[in-house]
Amino acid sequence: MSAQLIFDLAPLGSVVRYFDGAPRPASRFGGKLAAWRSNNGEGRLVRRVGARRIGDNMLPAGIVLQHGKLDTDGSVIMVLRQTFSVASRFLFEVVEPPAIGSVRVVDRVDADAELLHLAADRAGAEDWLACNPHRRAFLDEVTATRWRPIWSGPGSRPAIAADTGRAAG
């Protein structure tokens, strides 16, 4: 599926895979493997960024995937994120939606909300928020969502997308 469908349908907190369709090169080809890895990976959907104007340029909407965090002694040093335009040439699929009953900690209530943390339950989210205070953060429980397969195109395997009749998430 396209980045636009991920933008429109996938709930925050979903694990999303992106790929270019090229086969993985053998491990002995270090340079080719490194290039392949930069075009094939997965991350957690943490934000949708709407289209915006900067000066005379119009930037398209996009999605932000978080690949991980680098930390030492419990202190986060760097958060690894990648932004994809909705016009990206990559193919995308939802590998895992957030579990029903899990709780998202988000930084605000609007279309540009950013996922700060995904906890297994409300108590876990409250504990995380107590250790990581954010002024305007709020808790958003993942409720029952209908999912259906979407065919990404000829020769590709089905991907998962949210039913368009669901609540925003």
C-alpha atoms as a PDB file:
ATOM      1  CA  MET A   1       0.000   0.000   0.000  1.00  0.00           C
ATOM      2  CA  SER A   2       1.071   3.595  -0.355  1.00  0.00           C
ATOM      3  CA  ALA A   3       2.257   6.053   2.270  1.00  0.00           C
ATOM      4  CA  GLN A   4      -0.990   7.963   1.637  1.00  0.00           C
ATOM      5  CA  LEU A   5      -3.018   4.934   2.791  1.00  0.00           C
ATOM      6  CA  ILE A   6      -0.869   4.617   5.911  1.00  0.00           C
ATOM      7  CA  PHE A   7      -1.444   8.341   6.536  1.00  0.00           C
ATOM      8  CA  ASP A   8      -5.204   7.955   6.056  1.00  0.00           C
ATOM      9  CA  LEU A   9      -5.875   4.608   7.725  1.00  0.00           C
ATOM     10  CA  ALA A  10      -3.208   3.277  10.096  1.00  0.00           C
ATOM     11  CA  PRO A  11      -3.667   4.135  13.786  1.00  0.00           C
ATOM     12  CA  LEU A  12      -0.831   5.744  15.739  1.00  0.00           C
ATOM     13  CA  GLY A  13       1.260   3.074  17.394  1.00  0.00           C
ATOM     14  CA  SER A  14       1.112   0.636  14.472  1.00  0.00           C
ATOM     15  CA  VAL A  15       4.313  -1.084  13.426  1.00  0.00           C
ATOM     16  CA  VAL A  16       4.728  -0.235   9.738  1.00  0.00           C
ATOM     17  CA  ARG A  17       7.083  -1.926   7.292  1.00  0.00           C
ATOM     18  CA  TYR A  18       8.454  -0.027   4.287  1.00  0.00           C
ATOM     19  CA  PHE A  19      10.216  -1.609   1.332  1.00  0.00           C
ATOM     20  CA  ASP A  20      11.304  -0.926  -2.225  1.00  0.00           C
ATOM     21  CA  GLY A  21      10.571  -4.375  -3.671  1.00  0.00           C
ATOM     22  CA  ALA A  22      14.229  -5.208  -4.366  1.00  0.00           C
ATOM     23  CA  PRO A  23      15.511  -8.604  -3.191  1.00  0.00           C
ATOM     24  CA  ARG A  24      17.882  -8.640  -0.223  1.00  0.00           C
ATOM     25  CA  PRO A  25      21.507  -8.960  -1.396  1.00  0.00           C
ATOM     26  CA  ALA A  26      23.812 -11.589   0.062  1.00  0.00           C
ATOM     27  CA  SER A  27      25.654 -10.677   3.270  1.00  0.00           C
ATOM     28  CA  ARG A  28      29.020 -10.712   1.480  1.00  0.00           C
ATOM     29  CA  PHE A  29      28.001  -7.583  -0.467  1.00  0.00           C
ATOM     30  CA  GLY A  30      28.345  -5.102   2.409  1.00  0.00           C
ATOM     31  CA  GLY A  31      27.741  -1.906   0.429  1.00  0.00           C
ATOM     32  CA  LYS A  32      24.735  -3.278  -1.443  1.00  0.00           C
ATOM     33  CA  LEU A  33      23.302  -4.688   1.791  1.00  0.00           C
ATOM     34  CA  ALA A  34      23.691  -1.321   3.553  1.00  0.00           C
ATOM     35  CA  ALA A  35      21.886   0.421   0.674  1.00  0.00           C
ATOM     36  CA  TRP A  36      19.131  -2.211   0.746  1.00  0.00           C
ATOM     37  CA  ARG A  37      18.685  -1.776   4.510  1.00  0.00           C
ATOM     38  CA  SER A  38      18.198   1.979   4.089  1.00  0.00           C
ATOM     39  CA  ASN A  39      15.280   1.253   1.729  1.00  0.00           C
ATOM     40  CA  ASN A  40      13.757  -1.656   3.654  1.00  0.00           C
ATOM     41  CA  GLY A  41      12.833  -1.565   7.316  1.00  0.00           C
ATOM     42  CA  GLU A  42      10.105  -1.003   9.830  1.00  0.00           C
ATOM     43  CA  GLY A  43       9.191   1.381  12.583  1.00  0.00           C
ATOM     44  CA  ARG A  44       6.348   2.477  14.808  1.00  0.00           C
ATOM     45  CA  LEU A  45       3.998   5.125  13.388  1.00  0.00           C
ATOM     46  CA  VAL A  46       4.408   8.037  15.801  1.00  0.00           C
ATOM     47  CA  ARG A  47       3.054  10.982  13.851  1.00  0.00           C
ATOM     48  CA  ARG A  48       1.165  12.190  10.819  1.00  0.00           C
ATOM     49  CA  VAL A  49       2.400  15.517   9.474  1.00  0.00           C
ATOM     50  CA  GLY A  50      -0.046  17.560   7.426  1.00  0.00           C
ATOM     51  CA  ALA A  51       0.921  19.430   4.273  1.00  0.00           C
ATOM     52  CA  ARG A  52       2.452  22.820   5.047  1.00  0.00           C
ATOM     53  CA  ARG A  53       3.913  25.830   3.346  1.00  0.00           C
ATOM     54  CA  ILE A  54       7.436  27.034   4.068  1.00  0.00           C
ATOM     55  CA  GLY A  55       8.147  30.245   2.202  1.00  0.00           C
ATOM     56  CA  ASP A  56       7.221  29.662  -1.438  1.00  0.00           C
ATOM     57  CA  ASN A  57       7.464  25.889  -1.107  1.00  0.00           C
ATOM     58  CA  MET A  58       4.594  23.549  -0.320  1.00  0.00           C
ATOM     59  CA  LEU A  59       5.690  20.452   1.600  1.00  0.00           C
ATOM     60  CA  PRO A  60       3.445  17.401   1.209  1.00  0.00           C
ATOM     61  CA  ALA A  61       1.881  15.520   4.086  1.00  0.00           C
ATOM     62  CA  GLY A  62       3.853  12.635   5.515  1.00  0.00           C
ATOM     63  CA  ILE A  63       4.220   9.947   8.141  1.00  0.00           C
ATOM     64  CA  VAL A  64       6.922   9.619  10.786  1.00  0.00           C
ATOM     65  CA  LEU A  65       8.214   6.185  11.781  1.00  0.00           C
ATOM     66  CA  GLN A  66      10.319   5.688  14.887  1.00  0.00           C
ATOM     67  CA  HIS A  67      12.950   2.999  14.464  1.00  0.00           C
ATOM     68  CA  GLY A  68      14.265   2.994  18.009  1.00  0.00           C
ATOM     69  CA  LYS A  69      16.051   4.834  20.763  1.00  0.00           C
ATOM     70  CA  LEU A  70      19.690   4.875  21.732  1.00  0.00           C
ATOM     71  CA  ASP A  71      20.192   5.125  25.470  1.00  0.00           C
ATOM     72  CA  THR A  72      22.813   4.708  28.150  1.00  0.00           C
ATOM     73  CA  ASP A  73      22.061   4.113  31.803  1.00  0.00           C
ATOM     74  CA  GLY A  74      18.347   4.749  31.239  1.00  0.00           C
ATOM     75  CA  SER A  75      18.868   8.169  29.615  1.00  0.00           C
ATOM     76  CA  VAL A  76      17.749   8.509  25.997  1.00  0.00           C
ATOM     77  CA  ILE A  77      20.549   9.999  23.910  1.00  0.00           C
ATOM     78  CA  MET A  78      18.956   9.867  20.472  1.00  0.00           C
ATOM     79  CA  VAL A  79      15.610   8.864  18.953  1.00  0.00           C
ATOM     80  CA  LEU A  80      15.876   7.387  15.463  1.00  0.00           C
ATOM     81  CA  ARG A  81      13.019   8.545  13.218  1.00  0.00           C
ATOM     82  CA  GLN A  82      12.348   8.684   9.523  1.00  0.00           C
ATOM     83  CA  THR A  83       9.777  10.798   7.701  1.00  0.00           C
ATOM     84  CA  PHE A  84       8.139   9.643   4.479  1.00  0.00           C
ATOM     85  CA  SER A  85       6.145  11.863   2.149  1.00  0.00           C
ATOM     86  CA  VAL A  86       2.685  10.592   1.181  1.00  0.00           C
ATOM     87  CA  ALA A  87       4.100  10.569  -2.367  1.00  0.00           C
ATOM     88  CA  SER A  88       6.951   8.226  -1.366  1.00  0.00           C
ATOM     89  CA  ARG A  89       8.007   5.600  -3.898  1.00  0.00           C
ATOM     90  CA  PHE A  90       8.235   2.960  -1.167  1.00  0.00           C
ATOM     91  CA  LEU A  91       5.558   0.359  -0.482  1.00  0.00           C
ATOM     92  CA  PHE A  92       4.170   0.125   3.051  1.00  0.00           C
ATOM     93  CA  GLU A  93       2.241  -2.365   5.133  1.00  0.00           C
ATOM     94  CA  VAL A  94       0.941  -2.455   8.675  1.00  0.00           C
ATOM     95  CA  VAL A  95       2.790  -5.311  10.349  1.00  0.00           C
ATOM     96  CA  GLU A  96       1.088  -4.947  13.716  1.00  0.00           C
ATOM     97  CA  PRO A  97      -1.636  -2.541  14.805  1.00  0.00           C
ATOM     98  CA  PRO A  98      -1.582  -1.407  18.451  1.00  0.00           C
ATOM     99  CA  ALA A  99      -3.182  -4.020  20.680  1.00  0.00           C
ATOM    100  CA  ILE A 100      -6.749  -3.421  21.757  1.00  0.00           C
ATOM    101  CA  GLY A 101      -6.671  -2.225  25.360  1.00  0.00           C
ATOM    102  CA  SER A 102      -3.228  -0.681  25.069  1.00  0.00           C
ATOM    103  CA  VAL A 103      -2.960   3.012  25.881  1.00  0.00           C
ATOM    104  CA  ARG A 104      -1.231   5.663  23.794  1.00  0.00           C
ATOM    105  CA  VAL A 105       0.377   8.668  25.473  1.00  0.00           C
ATOM    106  CA  VAL A 106       0.085  11.495  22.935  1.00  0.00           C
ATOM    107  CA  ASP A 107       1.303  15.072  23.131  1.00  0.00           C
ATOM    108  CA  ARG A 108      -1.922  16.801  22.047  1.00  0.00           C
ATOM    109  CA  VAL A 109      -5.412  16.206  20.723  1.00  0.00           C
ATOM    110  CA  ASP A 110      -5.395  17.094  17.025  1.00  0.00           C
ATOM    111  CA  ALA A 111      -4.460  15.760  13.601  1.00  0.00           C
ATOM    112  CA  ASP A 112      -0.727  16.376  14.219  1.00  0.00           C
ATOM    113  CA  ALA A 113      -0.660  14.479  17.525  1.00  0.00           C
ATOM    114  CA  GLU A 114       2.613  12.714  18.257  1.00  0.00           C
ATOM    115  CA  LEU A 115       2.821   9.363  19.998  1.00  0.00           C
ATOM    116  CA  LEU A 116       5.107   9.690  23.006  1.00  0.00           C
ATOM    117  CA  HIS A 117       4.653   6.180  24.386  1.00  0.00           C
ATOM    118  CA  LEU A 118       2.536   3.066  23.843  1.00  0.00           C
ATOM    119  CA  ALA A 119       1.779   1.204  27.074  1.00  0.00           C
ATOM    120  CA  ALA A 120       0.137  -2.184  27.534  1.00  0.00           C
ATOM    121  CA  ASP A 121      -2.527  -0.693  29.827  1.00  0.00           C
ATOM    122  CA  ARG A 122      -3.641   2.510  31.580  1.00  0.00           C
ATOM    123  CA  ALA A 123      -1.521   1.848  34.684  1.00  0.00           C
ATOM    124  CA  GLY A 124       1.591   1.463  32.519  1.00  0.00           C
ATOM    125  CA  ALA A 125       0.798   4.687  30.662  1.00  0.00           C
ATOM    126  CA  GLU A 126       0.262   6.585  33.926  1.00  0.00           C
ATOM    127  CA  ASP A 127       3.538   5.210  35.326  1.00  0.00           C
ATOM    128  CA  TRP A 128       5.394   6.262  32.173  1.00  0.00           C
ATOM    129  CA  LEU A 129       3.843   9.727  32.283  1.00  0.00           C
ATOM    130  CA  ALA A 130       4.792  10.110  35.952  1.00  0.00           C
ATOM    131  CA  CYS A 131       8.448   9.425  35.065  1.00  0.00           C
ATOM    132  CA  ASN A 132       8.339  11.426  31.813  1.00  0.00           C
ATOM    133  CA  PRO A 133       6.161  14.476  32.457  1.00  0.00           C
ATOM    134  CA  HIS A 134       4.683  16.354  29.502  1.00  0.00           C
ATOM    135  CA  ARG A 135       2.517  19.422  30.050  1.00  0.00           C
ATOM    136  CA  ARG A 136      -0.221  18.697  27.521  1.00  0.00           C
ATOM    137  CA  ALA A 137      -0.005  14.917  27.235  1.00  0.00           C
ATOM    138  CA  PHE A 138      -3.128  12.833  27.420  1.00  0.00           C
ATOM    139  CA  LEU A 139      -3.991   9.142  27.439  1.00  0.00           C
ATOM    140  CA  ASP A 140      -5.833   7.531  24.530  1.00  0.00           C
ATOM    141  CA  GLU A 141      -7.012   3.941  24.915  1.00  0.00           C
ATOM    142  CA  VAL A 142      -6.945   1.745  21.813  1.00  0.00           C
ATOM    143  CA  THR A 143     -10.463   0.414  21.362  1.00  0.00           C
ATOM    144  CA  ALA A 144     -11.878  -2.297  19.128  1.00  0.00           C
ATOM    145  CA  THR A 145     -11.041  -1.515  15.524  1.00  0.00           C
ATOM    146  CA  ARG A 146     -12.113  -3.430  12.453  1.00  0.00           C
ATOM    147  CA  TRP A 147      -9.279  -4.354  10.116  1.00  0.00           C
ATOM    148  CA  ARG A 148      -9.473  -5.725   6.628  1.00  0.00           C
ATOM    149  CA  PRO A 149      -6.845  -6.856   4.093  1.00  0.00           C
ATOM    150  CA  ILE A 150      -5.955  -4.494   1.269  1.00  0.00           C
ATOM    151  CA  TRP A 151      -4.325  -5.751  -1.884  1.00  0.00           C
ATOM    152  CA  SER A 152      -1.202  -3.709  -2.631  1.00  0.00           C
ATOM    153  CA  GLY A 153      -1.108  -4.573  -6.315  1.00  0.00           C
ATOM    154  CA  PRO A 154      -0.278  -7.332  -8.777  1.00  0.00           C
ATOM    155  CA  GLY A 155       2.288  -9.800  -7.501  1.00  0.00           C
ATOM    156  CA  SER A 156       2.310  -8.423  -3.979  1.00  0.00           C
ATOM    157  CA  ARG A 157       0.981  -9.961  -0.816  1.00  0.00           C
ATOM    158  CA  PRO A 158      -2.022  -8.524   1.016  1.00  0.00           C
ATOM    159  CA  ALA A 159      -1.342  -5.844   3.586  1.00  0.00           C
ATOM    160  CA  ILE A 160      -3.517  -4.782   6.518  1.00  0.00           C
ATOM    161  CA  ALA A 161      -5.407  -1.512   6.670  1.00  0.00           C
ATOM    162  CA  ALA A 162      -8.016  -0.100   8.971  1.00  0.00           C
ATOM    163  CA  ASP A 163     -11.645  -0.078   7.953  1.00  0.00           C
ATOM    164  CA  THR A 164     -12.494   3.470   6.893  1.00  0.00           C
ATOM    165  CA  GLY A 165     -15.598   3.458   9.092  1.00  0.00           C
ATOM    166  CA  ARG A 166     -13.613   3.439  12.330  1.00  0.00           C
ATOM    167  CA  ALA A 167     -12.960   6.266  14.756  1.00  0.00           C
ATOM    168  CA  ALA A 168      -9.830   8.341  14.184  1.00  0.00           C
ATOM    169  CA  GLY A 169      -6.754   6.821  15.717  1.00  0.00           C
END
